[in-house]
Amino acid sequence: MLVTDVRLALPPWIEEAVDRERVYAGDEARVALAIELARRNVAEGTGGPFGAVVFDDGGRVVGAGVNVVLPQHCSAAHAEVMAFAAAQALVRRARLDEDGRRYTLATSAQPCAMCYGACFWAGIDELLIGARSSDVMTLSDFDEGPLPEDWIGELGRRGISVRRDILRDEACAVFRLYAEKDGATY
């Protein structure tokens, strides 16, 4: 039998962990939420050490995601992809910024090759990053895949600004926690 109904789900705790009414003012507050989601995902045993949040131009959460690759049996269920999917489902369009508003993706760690590509088409205008991919690969066995040498410049040419190393130490601590819990690498 061919599977024709494919669904991905976030852990049930994510609803209580994200305050959709709160205005997350500033880059650090936004990345802090992504890092907290990643940390909680590890602590709860519900997935990998990655978190991502989409914010509207007013600083409110539009979508949040954590890495659920193993529990959902889907290699595409990365935190960024899950956050994009949640945001797109809420606004009911595939390209977020089609309404003329600006959207920001805050991530606990630099997007991998797949999530980097997803940023182009999701309709974000800004990318905020905690840990670098070199941190991820040093602190874990995750393979982040190849990015173009000038990946930040390429995002910029597509209208997406990038700021990284926001709360980098805090983001790296999540990978240390994951290693202490003997988290699976995939």
Protein backbone atom coordinates (compact mmCIF):
# COMPACT_ATOMS: atom_id res chain seq x y z
CA MET A 1 0.00 0.00 0.00
CA LEU A 2 1.25 3.48 -0.89
CA VAL A 3 1.25 6.06 1.91
CA THR A 4 -0.83 9.01 0.71
CA ASP A 5 -1.44 10.88 3.96
CA VAL A 6 1.79 12.36 5.27
CA ARG A 7 1.72 14.46 8.44
CA LEU A 8 4.39 15.82 10.72
CA ALA A 9 3.77 16.82 14.33
CA LEU A 10 5.64 18.89 16.86
CA PRO A 11 5.86 17.76 20.49
CA PRO A 12 2.78 18.69 22.52
CA TRP A 13 4.82 20.77 25.01
CA ILE A 14 5.67 23.34 22.33
CA GLU A 15 2.26 25.02 22.66
CA GLU A 16 2.91 25.92 26.30
CA ALA A 17 6.55 26.86 25.65
CA VAL A 18 5.73 29.63 23.17
CA ASP A 19 3.81 32.76 24.10
CA ARG A 20 2.17 33.95 20.87
CA GLU A 21 0.93 37.13 22.54
CA ARG A 22 4.37 38.25 23.73
CA VAL A 23 6.42 40.70 21.73
CA TYR A 24 9.96 39.34 21.53
CA ALA A 25 11.86 42.61 21.20
CA GLY A 26 15.38 42.33 19.87
CA ASP A 27 17.52 39.68 18.30
CA GLU A 28 18.72 38.15 21.58
CA ALA A 29 15.19 37.54 22.86
CA ARG A 30 14.28 35.84 19.59
CA VAL A 31 17.33 33.59 19.45
CA ALA A 32 16.94 32.86 23.18
CA LEU A 33 13.51 31.39 22.46
CA ALA A 34 14.92 29.20 19.67
CA ILE A 35 17.68 28.00 22.01
CA GLU A 36 15.18 27.31 24.80
CA LEU A 37 13.07 25.22 22.43
CA ALA A 38 16.16 23.24 21.40
CA ARG A 39 17.14 22.72 25.04
CA ARG A 40 13.66 21.61 25.99
CA ASN A 41 13.50 19.23 23.02
CA VAL A 42 16.63 17.54 24.37
CA ALA A 43 15.46 17.60 27.99
CA GLU A 44 12.06 16.13 27.09
CA GLY A 45 13.63 13.49 24.82
CA THR A 46 11.38 14.55 21.93
CA GLY A 47 14.03 15.15 19.28
CA GLY A 48 17.33 16.68 18.30
CA PRO A 49 19.16 19.75 19.65
CA PHE A 50 17.80 22.33 17.24
CA GLY A 51 15.11 24.99 17.61
CA ALA A 52 13.76 27.66 15.26
CA VAL A 53 11.12 30.38 15.45
CA VAL A 54 9.50 32.60 12.80
CA PHE A 55 8.60 36.12 13.96
CA ASP A 56 6.50 38.75 12.22
CA ASP A 57 7.69 42.33 11.87
CA GLY A 58 6.10 43.17 15.23
CA GLY A 59 8.15 40.57 17.10
CA ARG A 60 5.35 38.07 17.63
CA VAL A 61 5.75 34.34 17.03
CA VAL A 62 4.14 33.12 13.82
CA GLY A 63 5.57 29.60 13.91
CA ALA A 64 7.97 27.55 16.01
CA GLY A 65 9.73 24.28 15.42
CA VAL A 66 12.17 21.80 16.85
CA ASN A 67 14.02 18.96 15.23
CA VAL A 68 11.76 15.89 15.15
CA VAL A 69 13.60 13.85 12.50
CA LEU A 70 13.77 10.61 14.48
CA PRO A 71 10.35 10.62 16.22
CA GLN A 72 8.61 11.58 12.96
CA HIS A 73 10.72 9.25 10.77
CA CYS A 74 11.36 12.10 8.32
CA SER A 75 14.77 13.44 7.33
CA ALA A 76 13.19 16.80 6.40
CA ALA A 77 11.70 17.40 9.88
CA HIS A 78 14.40 19.88 10.89
CA ALA A 79 13.56 22.74 13.27
CA GLU A 80 13.62 25.38 10.52
CA VAL A 81 11.38 23.38 8.19
CA MET A 82 8.94 22.70 11.01
CA ALA A 83 8.89 26.40 11.98
CA PHE A 84 8.30 27.41 8.35
CA ALA A 85 5.50 24.84 8.01
CA ALA A 86 3.81 26.01 11.22
CA ALA A 87 4.04 29.67 10.16
CA GLN A 88 2.83 28.97 6.64
CA ALA A 89 -0.12 26.97 7.95
CA LEU A 90 -1.06 29.85 10.25
CA VAL A 91 -0.92 32.55 7.55
CA ARG A 92 -2.25 30.16 4.89
CA ARG A 93 0.34 30.82 2.20
CA ALA A 94 3.59 29.18 1.14
CA ARG A 95 5.59 32.41 0.95
CA LEU A 96 5.36 34.26 4.25
CA ASP A 97 6.29 37.77 3.10
CA GLU A 98 3.80 37.78 0.24
CA ASP A 99 1.64 40.10 2.38
CA GLY A 100 4.34 42.79 2.32
CA ARG A 101 5.32 42.27 5.96
CA ARG A 102 8.81 41.29 7.04
CA TYR A 103 9.52 37.95 8.70
CA THR A 104 12.51 36.81 10.73
CA LEU A 105 13.76 33.28 11.35
CA ALA A 106 15.67 32.84 14.61
CA THR A 107 17.62 29.60 14.90
CA SER A 108 19.57 27.97 17.68
CA ALA A 109 22.18 26.92 15.12
CA GLN A 110 23.18 27.85 11.59
CA PRO A 111 20.89 26.20 9.05
CA CYS A 112 22.16 23.06 7.36
CA ALA A 113 22.29 22.80 3.57
CA MET A 114 18.61 21.81 3.31
CA CYS A 115 17.32 24.50 5.65
CA TYR A 116 19.53 27.11 3.98
CA GLY A 117 17.71 26.38 0.73
CA ALA A 118 14.33 26.46 2.44
CA CYS A 119 15.07 30.01 3.63
CA PHE A 120 14.99 31.23 0.02
CA TRP A 121 11.46 30.06 -0.66
CA ALA A 122 9.84 30.44 2.75
CA GLY A 123 9.69 34.20 2.45
CA ILE A 124 11.86 35.39 5.30
CA ASP A 125 13.74 38.67 5.29
CA GLU A 126 16.14 38.13 8.17
CA LEU A 127 18.02 35.18 9.65
CA LEU A 128 19.30 35.24 13.24
CA ILE A 129 21.71 32.47 14.24
CA GLY A 130 23.05 31.17 17.57
CA ALA A 131 25.71 28.48 17.07
CA ARG A 132 27.74 28.19 13.87
CA SER A 133 27.81 25.01 11.81
CA SER A 134 31.44 24.54 12.88
CA ASP A 135 30.20 24.49 16.50
CA VAL A 136 27.56 21.90 15.63
CA MET A 137 30.08 19.65 13.88
CA THR A 138 32.68 20.08 16.66
CA LEU A 139 30.26 19.40 19.51
CA SER A 140 28.36 16.59 17.77
CA ASP A 141 28.53 14.19 14.86
CA PHE A 142 25.85 16.01 12.87
CA ASP A 143 26.78 16.60 9.21
CA GLU A 144 25.46 20.02 8.26
CA GLY A 145 26.13 19.48 4.54
CA PRO A 146 27.85 21.78 2.07
CA LEU A 147 26.97 25.45 1.83
CA PRO A 148 28.26 27.84 -0.84
CA GLU A 149 31.48 29.58 0.21
CA ASP A 150 29.66 32.94 0.27
CA TRP A 151 26.39 31.64 1.73
CA ILE A 152 25.74 34.83 3.69
CA GLY A 153 26.31 36.93 0.57
CA GLU A 154 23.97 34.70 -1.42
CA LEU A 155 21.23 35.17 1.15
CA GLY A 156 21.89 38.91 1.06
CA ARG A 157 21.55 38.97 -2.72
CA ARG A 158 18.14 37.38 -2.23
CA GLY A 159 17.10 40.04 0.27
CA ILE A 160 17.75 38.03 3.45
CA SER A 161 20.01 39.70 6.01
CA VAL A 162 22.02 37.49 8.36
CA ARG A 163 23.24 38.06 11.89
CA ARG A 164 25.04 35.26 13.67
CA ASP A 165 26.83 34.40 16.93
CA ILE A 166 23.82 35.62 18.95
CA LEU A 167 24.00 33.87 22.34
CA ARG A 168 26.48 31.48 20.74
CA ASP A 169 27.73 30.03 24.04
CA GLU A 170 24.18 29.31 25.20
CA ALA A 171 23.41 27.65 21.86
CA CYS A 172 26.54 25.48 22.11
CA ALA A 173 25.51 24.39 25.62
CA VAL A 174 22.50 22.59 24.10
CA PHE A 175 24.83 20.40 22.02
CA ARG A 176 26.85 19.58 25.14
CA LEU A 177 23.62 18.60 26.91
CA TYR A 178 22.64 16.42 23.94
CA ALA A 179 26.03 14.68 24.07
CA GLU A 180 25.68 14.12 27.84
CA LYS A 181 22.32 12.44 27.19
CA ASP A 182 23.91 10.25 24.47
CA GLY A 183 21.58 11.73 21.85
CA ALA A 184 21.48 9.97 18.49
CA THR A 185 23.23 11.58 15.54
CA TYR A 186 21.66 11.22 12.13
